[in-house]
Each structure stands twice: as C-alpha cells, then as structure tokens.
Amino acid sequence: MHSSKDTDAKILHEIMQPLNVIRLSCGNIRVRMSSYSSADAQYLIQKIVRIEEQVMRATQLLQELKTRNDDHQATNDD
C-alpha cells in the first residue's frame, strides 16, 4: 500500500509534467515567432508570454505545497 507521501508525490509529478510541456512548448513557439515581424506575431508572442507566466505561477504554488507537505511528513515521521 502506498503511503500518503508517495501518493502526494505522484500527484505532484502528474500535474508538473504537463506544466513543463506547456512551458517548454511556449518557449519554442516564442523563439520561432520572434523572427516574424508582423503585428499578429507580436500579439501572439505577448499571449505566449502570459501563458508562460501563469504556468510558472502554478509551478511555484505546487512547489510550495510540496515543501509544506515534505515538512509536515518530516514532522510526523519523528
């Protein structure tokens, strides 16, 4: 049987993986579009940057939850 800590770590990983894919994909799109000169490309780059910011925000929140959970587990293990 899996411990609560193992389950929490698995859930965190399953959420973080798609966020990492989104972040990396946004970066690739932004780099590719930066060579375009149209106003539409600049608009889309701004939207990609916004998506990246939100992914980073969610990632930071998840990291904080992981740290809090790790601290809580360490306290309970003593």
Foldseek 3Di string as FASTA:
>chain_A
DDDPLVVLVVVLVVVLVVLVVLLVVLVVLLVVLVVPDDPVSVVVNVVSVVSNVVSVVVNVVSVVVNVVVVVVVVVVVD
